[in-house]
Protein backbone atom coordinates (compact mmCIF):
# COMPACT_ATOMS: atom_id res chain seq x y z
CA MET A 1 -64.34 20.52 -28.23
CA GLN A 2 -67.41 21.82 -30.11
CA ILE A 3 -70.75 22.93 -28.71
CA THR A 4 -73.24 20.73 -30.53
CA ASP A 5 -76.47 21.97 -28.86
CA ILE A 6 -77.76 24.59 -26.58
CA LYS A 7 -81.21 24.29 -25.07
CA VAL A 8 -82.79 27.23 -23.29
CA ARG A 9 -84.72 25.34 -20.65
CA LYS A 10 -86.45 28.27 -18.86
CA LEU A 11 -86.86 32.01 -19.46
CA PHE A 12 -87.37 34.56 -16.71
CA SER A 13 -88.72 38.07 -17.13
CA GLU A 14 -88.30 39.27 -13.51
CA GLY A 15 -85.04 39.60 -11.61
CA PRO A 16 -81.40 39.40 -12.71
CA MET A 17 -81.58 35.62 -13.71
CA LYS A 18 -82.81 35.61 -17.26
CA ALA A 19 -82.57 31.92 -18.26
CA ILE A 20 -81.42 28.39 -17.42
CA VAL A 21 -79.71 26.51 -20.26
CA SER A 22 -78.13 23.15 -21.04
CA VAL A 23 -75.19 22.79 -23.28
CA THR A 24 -74.06 19.64 -25.16
CA PHE A 25 -70.37 19.19 -26.17
CA ASP A 26 -69.40 17.01 -28.97
CA GLY A 27 -72.76 15.38 -28.90
CA GLN A 28 -71.53 13.34 -25.87
CA LEU A 29 -71.47 15.49 -22.70
CA ALA A 30 -74.29 17.68 -21.38
CA VAL A 31 -73.86 20.38 -18.76
CA HIS A 32 -77.16 21.45 -17.24
CA ASP A 33 -78.22 24.41 -15.09
CA ILE A 34 -76.02 27.03 -16.65
CA LYS A 35 -77.64 30.38 -15.68
CA ILE A 36 -77.73 33.54 -17.67
CA ILE A 37 -77.54 36.68 -15.46
CA ASN A 38 -78.17 40.30 -16.42
CA ALA A 39 -76.42 42.75 -14.03
CA ARG A 40 -75.25 46.32 -14.67
CA ASP A 41 -76.57 46.15 -18.20
CA LYS A 42 -74.34 43.15 -19.06
CA PHE A 43 -75.17 39.56 -19.62
CA PHE A 44 -72.90 36.72 -18.36
CA ILE A 45 -73.16 33.00 -17.48
CA VAL A 46 -72.89 31.35 -14.06
CA MET A 47 -71.86 27.68 -14.12
CA PRO A 48 -73.73 25.05 -12.13
CA SER A 49 -72.64 25.06 -8.42
CA ARG A 50 -73.42 23.59 -5.17
CA LYS A 51 -73.64 25.22 -1.73
CA ASN A 52 -70.89 24.40 0.81
CA PRO A 53 -71.54 23.98 4.53
CA ASP A 54 -70.04 27.49 5.07
CA ASP A 55 -72.68 28.97 2.80
CA THR A 56 -70.26 29.67 -0.05
CA TYR A 57 -70.79 28.10 -3.54
CA ARG A 58 -68.37 25.99 -5.55
CA ASP A 59 -68.78 25.41 -9.31
CA ILE A 60 -69.42 21.78 -10.23
CA VAL A 61 -68.07 22.26 -13.68
CA HIS A 62 -66.28 25.28 -15.22
CA PRO A 63 -64.24 26.44 -18.17
CA ILE A 64 -60.52 26.12 -17.56
CA ASN A 65 -59.34 29.20 -19.53
CA ALA A 66 -60.73 32.66 -20.46
CA GLN A 67 -60.75 31.90 -24.20
CA PHE A 68 -63.09 28.87 -23.75
CA ARG A 69 -65.25 30.73 -21.20
CA GLY A 70 -65.65 33.62 -23.74
CA MET A 71 -66.60 31.23 -26.52
CA LEU A 72 -69.09 29.40 -24.29
CA GLU A 73 -70.61 32.62 -22.92
CA SER A 74 -71.07 34.05 -26.42
CA ALA A 75 -72.73 30.93 -27.71
CA VAL A 76 -75.02 30.66 -24.69
CA ILE A 77 -76.11 34.31 -24.83
CA GLU A 78 -76.70 34.15 -28.61
CA ALA A 79 -78.97 31.14 -27.96
CA TYR A 80 -80.75 33.09 -25.20
CA GLU A 81 -81.30 35.98 -27.61
CA ALA A 82 -82.61 33.62 -30.34
CA ALA A 83 -85.08 32.03 -27.71
CA LEU A 84 -86.25 35.53 -26.82
CA ALA A 85 -86.90 36.49 -30.46
CA GLN A 86 -88.72 33.10 -31.00
CA GLU A 87 -90.82 33.75 -27.96
CA ALA A 88 -91.77 37.23 -29.10
CA ALA A 89 -92.60 35.90 -32.63
CA GLU A 90 -94.91 33.17 -31.13
CA ARG A 91 -96.59 35.79 -28.91
CA ALA A 92 -97.17 38.10 -31.88
CA GLU A 93 -98.47 35.19 -33.93
CA ALA A 94 -100.85 34.17 -31.16
CA GLU A 95 -102.12 37.70 -30.78
CA THR A 96 -102.85 37.93 -34.55
CA VAL A 97 -104.69 34.54 -34.53
CA HIS A 98 -106.84 35.62 -31.60
CA ALA A 99 -107.36 39.19 -32.54
CA PRO A 100 -110.98 40.13 -32.96
CA THR A 101 -112.20 40.58 -36.55
CA THR A 102 -114.49 43.39 -37.50
CA VAL A 103 -116.96 42.89 -40.29
């Protein structure tokens, strides 16, 4: 199974949740609402889940083994870092375009 697309849907600057992403596998299956969390200076992913009546959470979808989780986590965090770099570049470009000119 190959990851064919990762879309960073939303970035957050405040709090431990840093992004929400969607991942497409083999161009045929999409998993939405994977969260990127930063805690204790480490990034990790949290799979989509639902709240149970007893206030616990249960993953709706999840990797079956540690090897696939590691591959998925690495790819998602890499896409997040690329989205951050793109956002920073766009911000720098916008500041350059709107910077006052002196004559």
